[in-house]
Amino acid sequence: MGYTNTFIAVAEDCRAGTGEVPPDRSGVPTVAAVQYALHAVDSPSYARLRADGRLTQLRAMRSRRG
């Protein structure tokens, strides 16, 4: 899966007024929270990855945490 020069718009029926930081679940970061954190620090190495590379990196992080 890869997107190049693609703008992904918010769905017309989306009820959210603003973006929100994904919450942890039972004190453990969710996949969404980890991805948000990686984007929030503006990591150049993470930003260069395509979507499939980001998911691979996330899987590796989760397996180490295991």
C-alpha atoms as a PDB file:
ATOM      1  CA  MET A   1       0.000   0.000   0.000  1.00  0.00           C
ATOM      2  CA  GLY A   2       1.448   3.329  -0.924  1.00  0.00           C
ATOM      3  CA  TYR A   3       0.178   6.811  -1.573  1.00  0.00           C
ATOM      4  CA  THR A   4       2.119   9.304  -3.656  1.00  0.00           C
ATOM      5  CA  ASN A   5       1.068  12.935  -4.011  1.00  0.00           C
ATOM      6  CA  THR A   6      -2.309  12.109  -2.501  1.00  0.00           C
ATOM      7  CA  PHE A   7      -4.522  14.251  -0.295  1.00  0.00           C
ATOM      8  CA  ILE A   8      -6.839  12.174   1.875  1.00  0.00           C
ATOM      9  CA  ALA A   9      -9.852  14.269   2.844  1.00  0.00           C
ATOM     10  CA  VAL A  10     -12.097  13.953   5.872  1.00  0.00           C
ATOM     11  CA  ALA A  11     -15.336  12.125   5.149  1.00  0.00           C
ATOM     12  CA  GLU A  12     -18.370  14.365   4.718  1.00  0.00           C
ATOM     13  CA  ASP A  13     -20.264  12.485   7.442  1.00  0.00           C
ATOM     14  CA  CYS A  14     -17.443  12.780  10.003  1.00  0.00           C
ATOM     15  CA  ARG A  15     -18.761  14.230  13.282  1.00  0.00           C
ATOM     16  CA  ALA A  16     -15.372  15.297  14.655  1.00  0.00           C
ATOM     17  CA  GLY A  17     -14.823  19.037  14.832  1.00  0.00           C
ATOM     18  CA  THR A  18     -11.081  18.791  15.455  1.00  0.00           C
ATOM     19  CA  GLY A  19      -8.376  16.179  15.665  1.00  0.00           C
ATOM     20  CA  GLU A  20      -7.714  14.463  18.982  1.00  0.00           C
ATOM     21  CA  VAL A  21      -4.728  12.710  20.510  1.00  0.00           C
ATOM     22  CA  PRO A  22      -5.527   8.975  20.569  1.00  0.00           C
ATOM     23  CA  PRO A  23      -6.041   7.804  24.171  1.00  0.00           C
ATOM     24  CA  ASP A  24      -4.172   4.925  25.788  1.00  0.00           C
ATOM     25  CA  ARG A  25      -6.114   1.798  26.654  1.00  0.00           C
ATOM     26  CA  SER A  26      -5.627   0.563  30.217  1.00  0.00           C
ATOM     27  CA  GLY A  27      -2.401   2.548  30.422  1.00  0.00           C
ATOM     28  CA  VAL A  28      -0.972   0.913  27.282  1.00  0.00           C
ATOM     29  CA  PRO A  29      -0.549   2.992  24.109  1.00  0.00           C
ATOM     30  CA  THR A  30      -2.745   1.869  21.236  1.00  0.00           C
ATOM     31  CA  VAL A  31      -1.415   1.502  17.694  1.00  0.00           C
ATOM     32  CA  ALA A  32      -2.995   4.856  16.874  1.00  0.00           C
ATOM     33  CA  ALA A  33      -1.301   6.496  19.875  1.00  0.00           C
ATOM     34  CA  VAL A  34       2.123   5.160  18.874  1.00  0.00           C
ATOM     35  CA  GLN A  35       1.682   6.317  15.269  1.00  0.00           C
ATOM     36  CA  TYR A  36       0.529   9.735  16.471  1.00  0.00           C
ATOM     37  CA  ALA A  37       3.557  10.030  18.766  1.00  0.00           C
ATOM     38  CA  LEU A  38       5.915   9.142  15.921  1.00  0.00           C
ATOM     39  CA  HIS A  39       4.339  11.844  13.745  1.00  0.00           C
ATOM     40  CA  ALA A  40       4.210  14.388  16.573  1.00  0.00           C
ATOM     41  CA  VAL A  41       7.974  14.329  17.185  1.00  0.00           C
ATOM     42  CA  ASP A  42       8.458  15.073  13.479  1.00  0.00           C
ATOM     43  CA  SER A  43      11.077  12.352  13.166  1.00  0.00           C
ATOM     44  CA  PRO A  44      12.807  12.785   9.774  1.00  0.00           C
ATOM     45  CA  SER A  45      13.544   9.067   9.545  1.00  0.00           C
ATOM     46  CA  TYR A  46       9.889   8.185  10.186  1.00  0.00           C
ATOM     47  CA  ALA A  47       8.616  10.896   7.821  1.00  0.00           C
ATOM     48  CA  ARG A  48      10.663   9.458   4.943  1.00  0.00           C
ATOM     49  CA  LEU A  49       8.962   6.079   5.240  1.00  0.00           C
ATOM     50  CA  ARG A  50       5.974   5.171   3.111  1.00  0.00           C
ATOM     51  CA  ALA A  51       2.831   3.829   4.783  1.00  0.00           C
ATOM     52  CA  ASP A  52       3.917   0.187   4.504  1.00  0.00           C
ATOM     53  CA  GLY A  53       7.340   1.018   5.961  1.00  0.00           C
ATOM     54  CA  ARG A  54       5.712   2.813   8.881  1.00  0.00           C
ATOM     55  CA  LEU A  55       3.545  -0.209   9.607  1.00  0.00           C
ATOM     56  CA  THR A  56       6.609  -2.474   9.456  1.00  0.00           C
ATOM     57  CA  GLN A  57       8.436  -0.209  11.904  1.00  0.00           C
ATOM     58  CA  LEU A  58       5.411  -0.192  14.197  1.00  0.00           C
ATOM     59  CA  ARG A  59       5.204  -4.012  14.142  1.00  0.00           C
ATOM     60  CA  ALA A  60       8.897  -4.230  15.028  1.00  0.00           C
ATOM     61  CA  MET A  61       8.419  -1.827  17.943  1.00  0.00           C
ATOM     62  CA  ARG A  62       5.464  -3.829  19.240  1.00  0.00           C
ATOM     63  CA  SER A  63       7.299  -7.168  18.985  1.00  0.00           C
ATOM     64  CA  ARG A  64      10.249  -5.783  20.978  1.00  0.00           C
ATOM     65  CA  ARG A  65       7.844  -4.521  23.630  1.00  0.00           C
ATOM     66  CA  GLY A  66       6.094  -7.913  23.679  1.00  0.00           C
END
